[in-house]
């Protein structure tokens, strides 16, 4: 079985197991997803989803966030960890979105990476979920771990290399949802601590799984 064949099988099996291949973060506006992803660094999506409703109720527009005091934003996001740096990035990014991008979330990797606190993982998620760009790969910890176990990558832990290797084997129109489904699978079955191979839907196409 080639890597592309294994990838296609994994895509189909995950689609069957997790029909809703969507991001776990809850949001209503495009920029809210951008900031929610920033908050998710070193924090669970579940915790972020508990924090953002109050944050966005207090600052209901991009303009209000751009004018916010960093200390007040930090108070709302304290439980997500690294709250001072995250609050600073959110306020500065809100200002940059208004000043440089007309209040819109940019649609290119280059522009997204200019925003404070935005790396390739965040940028790819925005390109896929907000702008529906094909071929994006969100190389988070679940994606890196499981794609390596499946044999879709060479086992590297480097996010950039994982992104490059997965782009070569995944169908472009499926790659974004595939990464979201890997997150769900990584939480439920193929965890970092122990892979539950007997109950894994991917065991028939996994290089390291035990049948």
Protein backbone atom coordinates (compact mmCIF):
# COMPACT_ATOMS: atom_id res chain seq x y z
CA UNK A 1 0.00 0.00 0.00
CA UNK A 2 1.45 3.36 -1.00
CA UNK A 3 1.33 6.38 1.30
CA UNK A 4 -1.30 7.99 -0.90
CA UNK A 5 -3.44 4.84 -0.75
CA UNK A 6 -3.02 4.65 3.02
CA UNK A 7 -3.92 8.33 3.31
CA UNK A 8 -7.04 7.90 1.19
CA UNK A 9 -8.14 4.95 3.32
CA UNK A 10 -7.51 6.90 6.53
CA UNK A 11 -9.51 9.84 5.19
CA UNK A 12 -12.48 7.59 4.41
CA UNK A 13 -12.35 5.70 7.70
CA UNK A 14 -12.15 8.87 9.77
CA UNK A 15 -14.96 10.45 7.78
CA UNK A 16 -17.15 7.48 8.67
CA UNK A 17 -16.15 7.54 12.34
CA UNK A 18 -16.38 11.33 12.74
CA UNK A 19 -18.85 12.69 10.16
CA UNK A 20 -18.55 16.26 11.46
CA UNK A 21 -14.93 17.08 10.73
CA UNK A 22 -15.03 20.51 12.28
CA UNK A 23 -12.90 22.53 14.64
CA UNK A 24 -13.70 21.99 18.32
CA UNK A 25 -13.44 25.70 19.09
CA UNK A 26 -16.74 27.56 19.20
CA UNK A 27 -17.08 30.94 17.49
CA UNK A 28 -19.48 33.15 15.55
CA UNK A 29 -17.20 35.63 13.80
CA UNK A 30 -14.06 34.92 11.80
CA UNK A 31 -11.81 36.94 14.08
CA UNK A 32 -13.22 35.13 17.12
CA UNK A 33 -11.80 31.88 15.76
CA UNK A 34 -8.44 33.55 15.25
CA UNK A 35 -8.35 34.66 18.88
CA UNK A 36 -9.75 31.37 20.19
CA UNK A 37 -6.91 29.51 18.48
CA UNK A 38 -4.42 31.85 20.17
CA UNK A 39 -6.01 31.06 23.52
CA UNK A 40 -5.80 27.32 22.85
CA UNK A 41 -1.99 27.33 22.98
CA UNK A 42 -1.00 25.16 25.97
CA UNK A 43 -4.70 24.93 26.84
CA UNK A 44 -7.61 22.64 26.00
CA UNK A 45 -10.30 23.63 23.53
CA UNK A 46 -12.87 22.84 26.20
CA UNK A 47 -11.34 25.42 28.53
CA UNK A 48 -11.20 28.01 25.73
CA UNK A 49 -14.88 27.43 24.96
CA UNK A 50 -15.68 28.19 28.60
CA UNK A 51 -13.74 31.45 28.50
CA UNK A 52 -14.61 33.02 25.15
CA UNK A 53 -18.36 33.66 25.66
CA UNK A 54 -17.70 36.12 28.49
CA UNK A 55 -14.73 37.66 26.67
CA UNK A 56 -16.69 38.31 23.48
CA UNK A 57 -19.73 39.50 25.41
CA UNK A 58 -17.57 42.13 27.12
CA UNK A 59 -15.85 43.04 23.85
CA UNK A 60 -18.51 42.35 21.19
CA UNK A 61 -16.73 44.00 18.25
CA UNK A 62 -13.25 44.06 16.79
CA UNK A 63 -13.13 47.76 17.56
CA UNK A 64 -13.85 47.20 21.23
CA UNK A 65 -11.09 44.60 21.45
CA UNK A 66 -8.66 46.93 19.70
CA UNK A 67 -9.41 49.61 22.32
CA UNK A 68 -9.37 47.23 25.28
CA UNK A 69 -6.91 47.41 28.13
CA UNK A 70 -4.61 44.40 27.98
CA UNK A 71 -5.00 43.90 31.74
CA UNK A 72 -8.78 43.59 31.44
CA UNK A 73 -8.56 41.09 28.58
CA UNK A 74 -6.05 39.13 30.68
CA UNK A 75 -8.56 38.93 33.53
CA UNK A 76 -11.10 37.25 31.25
CA UNK A 77 -8.64 34.67 29.87
CA UNK A 78 -6.62 34.03 33.04
CA UNK A 79 -7.50 30.33 33.23
CA UNK A 80 -6.10 29.58 29.75
CA UNK A 81 -2.50 30.11 30.91
CA UNK A 82 0.14 32.52 29.57
CA UNK A 83 -2.69 35.03 29.82
CA UNK A 84 -0.59 38.20 29.70
CA UNK A 85 1.08 37.30 26.41
CA UNK A 86 -2.20 36.06 24.94
CA UNK A 87 -4.07 39.21 25.98
CA UNK A 88 -1.37 41.41 24.47
CA UNK A 89 -1.44 39.47 21.21
CA UNK A 90 -5.24 39.64 20.97
CA UNK A 91 -5.37 43.41 21.46
CA UNK A 92 -2.48 44.06 19.06
CA UNK A 93 -3.92 41.69 16.46
CA UNK A 94 -7.32 43.40 16.69
CA UNK A 95 -5.62 46.73 16.07
CA UNK A 96 -3.69 45.36 13.10
CA UNK A 97 -6.80 43.76 11.58
CA UNK A 98 -8.50 47.14 11.62
CA UNK A 99 -5.54 49.21 10.51
CA UNK A 100 -4.05 46.94 7.86
CA UNK A 101 -6.82 44.63 6.71
CA UNK A 102 -10.04 46.62 6.91
CA UNK A 103 -11.33 44.56 9.80
CA UNK A 104 -11.15 41.32 7.83
CA UNK A 105 -9.16 38.21 8.67
CA UNK A 106 -6.47 37.89 5.97
CA UNK A 107 -6.68 35.10 3.41
CA UNK A 108 -2.98 34.50 2.78
CA UNK A 109 -0.34 32.74 4.84
CA UNK A 110 2.00 35.72 4.55
CA UNK A 111 -0.53 38.20 5.91
CA UNK A 112 -1.71 35.92 8.69
CA UNK A 113 1.83 35.34 9.91
CA UNK A 114 2.23 39.10 10.34
CA UNK A 115 -0.37 39.06 13.10
CA UNK A 116 0.89 38.85 16.70
CA UNK A 117 0.77 35.33 18.10
CA UNK A 118 -0.03 33.66 14.77
CA UNK A 119 2.14 30.77 13.59
CA UNK A 120 1.72 28.34 10.70
CA UNK A 121 -0.63 26.05 12.62
CA UNK A 122 -3.02 28.91 13.39
CA UNK A 123 -2.69 30.35 9.90
CA UNK A 124 -3.48 27.01 8.27
CA UNK A 125 -6.53 26.54 10.47
CA UNK A 126 -7.83 29.98 9.48
CA UNK A 127 -7.13 29.37 5.79
CA UNK A 128 -9.03 26.09 5.96
CA UNK A 129 -11.94 26.90 8.26
CA UNK A 130 -12.56 30.55 7.39
CA UNK A 131 -11.41 30.78 3.78
CA UNK A 132 -11.98 27.12 2.79
CA UNK A 133 -8.64 26.86 1.05
CA UNK A 134 -7.79 23.32 -0.12
CA UNK A 135 -4.56 21.61 0.82
CA UNK A 136 -4.04 23.11 4.28
CA UNK A 137 -2.53 20.93 6.98
CA UNK A 138 -2.93 21.82 10.67
CA UNK A 139 0.10 20.16 12.21
CA UNK A 140 -0.87 20.09 15.86
CA UNK A 141 0.25 17.45 18.36
CA UNK A 142 -2.50 14.98 17.42
CA UNK A 143 -1.79 15.34 13.71
CA UNK A 144 1.95 14.88 14.22
CA UNK A 145 1.54 11.84 16.47
CA UNK A 146 -1.11 9.95 14.54
CA UNK A 147 0.18 10.66 11.03
CA UNK A 148 3.52 9.30 12.19
CA UNK A 149 1.94 6.18 13.65
CA UNK A 150 -0.06 5.64 10.47
CA UNK A 151 3.08 5.88 8.36
CA UNK A 152 1.91 8.93 6.42
CA UNK A 153 5.04 10.77 7.56
CA UNK A 154 8.51 9.56 8.43
CA UNK A 155 7.81 10.02 12.13
CA UNK A 156 9.28 13.49 12.40
CA UNK A 157 8.02 15.70 15.21
CA UNK A 158 8.79 18.88 13.27
CA UNK A 159 5.46 20.59 12.39
CA UNK A 160 6.82 22.10 9.19
CA UNK A 161 8.08 18.75 7.91
CA UNK A 162 4.81 17.04 8.86
CA UNK A 163 2.88 19.70 6.97
CA UNK A 164 5.05 19.25 3.87
CA UNK A 165 4.87 15.45 3.94
CA UNK A 166 1.10 15.32 4.46
CA UNK A 167 0.47 17.78 1.64
CA UNK A 168 2.08 15.27 -0.71
CA UNK A 169 -0.23 12.38 0.19
CA UNK A 170 -3.57 13.85 1.29
CA UNK A 171 -6.32 14.79 -1.18
CA UNK A 172 -6.27 18.64 -1.04
CA UNK A 173 -10.03 18.89 -0.66
CA UNK A 174 -9.93 16.57 2.38
CA UNK A 175 -6.82 17.72 4.23
CA UNK A 176 -8.39 20.35 6.51
CA UNK A 177 -11.22 18.15 7.77
CA UNK A 178 -8.81 15.21 8.02
CA UNK A 179 -6.71 17.18 10.50
CA UNK A 180 -9.77 18.10 12.57
CA UNK A 181 -10.80 14.44 12.65
CA UNK A 182 -7.31 13.45 13.80
CA UNK A 183 -7.83 15.73 16.81
CA UNK A 184 -11.07 13.95 17.69
CA UNK A 185 -9.46 10.55 17.16
CA UNK A 186 -6.40 11.54 19.16
CA UNK A 187 -8.53 12.49 22.13
CA UNK A 188 -10.80 9.45 22.01
CA UNK A 189 -8.70 6.53 20.78
CA UNK A 190 -5.12 7.14 19.65
CA UNK A 191 -4.00 9.11 22.68
CA UNK A 192 -0.48 10.23 23.45
CA UNK A 193 -0.33 8.01 26.52
CA UNK A 194 -1.63 4.83 24.90
CA UNK A 195 -3.07 3.88 21.54
CA UNK A 196 -6.26 1.81 21.84
CA UNK A 197 -5.46 -0.29 18.79
CA UNK A 198 -8.16 -2.98 19.23
CA UNK A 199 -10.87 -0.30 19.08
CA UNK A 200 -9.22 1.89 16.45
CA UNK A 201 -11.02 2.46 13.17
CA UNK A 202 -7.66 3.07 11.48
CA UNK A 203 -5.97 -0.20 12.47
CA UNK A 204 -6.37 -1.74 8.99
CA UNK A 205 -4.26 1.00 7.42
CA UNK A 206 -1.90 1.77 10.32
CA UNK A 207 1.77 0.87 10.11
CA UNK A 208 2.28 0.63 13.86
CA UNK A 209 -1.15 -0.47 15.09
CA UNK A 210 -1.71 -3.90 16.54
CA UNK A 211 -4.56 -5.83 14.94
